[in-house]
Amino acid sequence: MKKMKFVNIITESTLGSILPDEIIRLGAQGYTLFEVSGSGKRGKREGDFTLSQSIQIEILCDEETASKIIRTLQVQIF
């Protein structure tokens, strides 16, 4: 049985239109996406209007796919 990894991405909602397709293209079988709000060092994120909303994407996948997703995010997105 392959070792599974949990990838958790929290980012600007504007990336919600491109990240899901990229995640599937990189080999994930599926994902869960939802709007989130919270507070931290960078302040409070209420999600009161579209440009300030955050999304969370959760992916359960094998190690190889998790590595591909993380590398792609580091290089191309973040």
C-alpha atoms as a PDB file:
ATOM      1  CA  MET A   1       0.000   0.000   0.000  1.00  0.00           C
ATOM      2  CA  LYS A   2       1.323   3.437  -0.958  1.00  0.00           C
ATOM      3  CA  LYS A   3       2.048   5.980   1.732  1.00  0.00           C
ATOM      4  CA  MET A   4      -0.492   8.813   1.518  1.00  0.00           C
ATOM      5  CA  LYS A   5       0.108  12.522   2.114  1.00  0.00           C
ATOM      6  CA  PHE A   6      -2.317  15.282   3.069  1.00  0.00           C
ATOM      7  CA  VAL A   7      -1.686  18.550   1.224  1.00  0.00           C
ATOM      8  CA  ASN A   8      -3.416  21.618   2.642  1.00  0.00           C
ATOM      9  CA  ILE A   9      -3.332  24.875   0.644  1.00  0.00           C
ATOM     10  CA  ILE A  10      -4.720  28.171   1.915  1.00  0.00           C
ATOM     11  CA  THR A  11      -4.541  31.004  -0.587  1.00  0.00           C
ATOM     12  CA  GLU A  12      -6.330  33.910  -2.253  1.00  0.00           C
ATOM     13  CA  SER A  13      -9.710  33.001  -3.738  1.00  0.00           C
ATOM     14  CA  THR A  14      -8.590  34.317  -7.135  1.00  0.00           C
ATOM     15  CA  LEU A  15      -6.470  31.160  -7.502  1.00  0.00           C
ATOM     16  CA  GLY A  16      -9.576  29.004  -7.057  1.00  0.00           C
ATOM     17  CA  SER A  17     -10.193  29.160 -10.790  1.00  0.00           C
ATOM     18  CA  ILE A  18      -6.790  27.711 -11.763  1.00  0.00           C
ATOM     19  CA  LEU A  19      -5.500  25.559  -8.888  1.00  0.00           C
ATOM     20  CA  PRO A  20      -8.101  22.752  -9.063  1.00  0.00           C
ATOM     21  CA  ASP A  21      -7.344  21.996 -12.728  1.00  0.00           C
ATOM     22  CA  GLU A  22      -3.602  22.116 -12.039  1.00  0.00           C
ATOM     23  CA  ILE A  23      -3.951  19.769  -9.057  1.00  0.00           C
ATOM     24  CA  ILE A  24      -5.802  17.199 -11.173  1.00  0.00           C
ATOM     25  CA  ARG A  25      -3.316  17.621 -14.041  1.00  0.00           C
ATOM     26  CA  LEU A  26      -0.496  16.822 -11.618  1.00  0.00           C
ATOM     27  CA  GLY A  27      -2.078  13.488 -10.689  1.00  0.00           C
ATOM     28  CA  ALA A  28      -4.461  14.032  -7.771  1.00  0.00           C
ATOM     29  CA  GLN A  29      -7.661  11.993  -7.973  1.00  0.00           C
ATOM     30  CA  GLY A  30      -9.682  14.741  -6.311  1.00  0.00           C
ATOM     31  CA  TYR A  31      -9.686  17.612  -3.845  1.00  0.00           C
ATOM     32  CA  THR A  32     -11.919  19.540  -1.461  1.00  0.00           C
ATOM     33  CA  LEU A  33     -12.178  23.321  -1.825  1.00  0.00           C
ATOM     34  CA  PHE A  34     -13.966  25.703   0.509  1.00  0.00           C
ATOM     35  CA  GLU A  35     -13.941  29.374   1.547  1.00  0.00           C
ATOM     36  CA  VAL A  36     -12.205  30.133   4.833  1.00  0.00           C
ATOM     37  CA  SER A  37     -11.582  33.063   7.123  1.00  0.00           C
ATOM     38  CA  GLY A  38      -9.228  33.583  10.022  1.00  0.00           C
ATOM     39  CA  SER A  39      -6.663  35.731  11.715  1.00  0.00           C
ATOM     40  CA  GLY A  40      -2.893  35.636  12.067  1.00  0.00           C
ATOM     41  CA  LYS A  41       0.318  37.659  11.779  1.00  0.00           C
ATOM     42  CA  ARG A  42      -0.910  39.265   8.580  1.00  0.00           C
ATOM     43  CA  GLY A  43      -4.215  40.360  10.067  1.00  0.00           C
ATOM     44  CA  LYS A  44      -7.790  39.189   9.953  1.00  0.00           C
ATOM     45  CA  ARG A  45      -9.297  37.742   6.763  1.00  0.00           C
ATOM     46  CA  GLU A  46     -13.056  38.064   6.893  1.00  0.00           C
ATOM     47  CA  GLY A  47     -13.905  37.355   3.266  1.00  0.00           C
ATOM     48  CA  ASP A  48     -16.323  40.299   3.203  1.00  0.00           C
ATOM     49  CA  PHE A  49     -15.720  40.917  -0.496  1.00  0.00           C
ATOM     50  CA  THR A  50     -14.402  38.728  -3.284  1.00  0.00           C
ATOM     51  CA  LEU A  51     -10.883  40.175  -3.473  1.00  0.00           C
ATOM     52  CA  SER A  52     -10.168  39.525   0.200  1.00  0.00           C
ATOM     53  CA  GLN A  53     -11.566  36.001   0.432  1.00  0.00           C
ATOM     54  CA  SER A  54      -9.347  33.024   1.091  1.00  0.00           C
ATOM     55  CA  ILE A  55      -9.856  29.445   0.014  1.00  0.00           C
ATOM     56  CA  GLN A  56      -8.572  26.179   1.396  1.00  0.00           C
ATOM     57  CA  ILE A  57      -7.877  23.195  -0.832  1.00  0.00           C
ATOM     58  CA  GLU A  58      -7.318  19.783   0.732  1.00  0.00           C
ATOM     59  CA  ILE A  59      -5.793  16.906  -1.217  1.00  0.00           C
ATOM     60  CA  LEU A  60      -5.121  13.334  -0.116  1.00  0.00           C
ATOM     61  CA  CYS A  61      -2.670  11.727  -2.520  1.00  0.00           C
ATOM     62  CA  ASP A  62       0.432   9.589  -2.808  1.00  0.00           C
ATOM     63  CA  GLU A  63       3.868  11.015  -1.946  1.00  0.00           C
ATOM     64  CA  GLU A  64       4.939  11.492  -5.562  1.00  0.00           C
ATOM     65  CA  THR A  65       1.832  13.504  -6.435  1.00  0.00           C
ATOM     66  CA  ALA A  66       2.139  15.571  -3.244  1.00  0.00           C
ATOM     67  CA  SER A  67       5.730  16.445  -4.158  1.00  0.00           C
ATOM     68  CA  LYS A  68       4.692  17.445  -7.691  1.00  0.00           C
ATOM     69  CA  ILE A  69       1.919  19.676  -6.365  1.00  0.00           C
ATOM     70  CA  ILE A  70       4.156  21.363  -3.802  1.00  0.00           C
ATOM     71  CA  ARG A  71       7.002  21.913  -6.293  1.00  0.00           C
ATOM     72  CA  THR A  72       4.628  23.368  -8.868  1.00  0.00           C
ATOM     73  CA  LEU A  73       3.066  25.722  -6.326  1.00  0.00           C
ATOM     74  CA  GLN A  74       6.486  26.912  -5.142  1.00  0.00           C
ATOM     75  CA  VAL A  75       7.818  27.550  -8.633  1.00  0.00           C
ATOM     76  CA  GLN A  76       4.800  28.687 -10.650  1.00  0.00           C
ATOM     77  CA  ILE A  77       2.312  30.138  -8.189  1.00  0.00           C
ATOM     78  CA  PHE A  78       4.011  31.326  -4.996  1.00  0.00           C
END
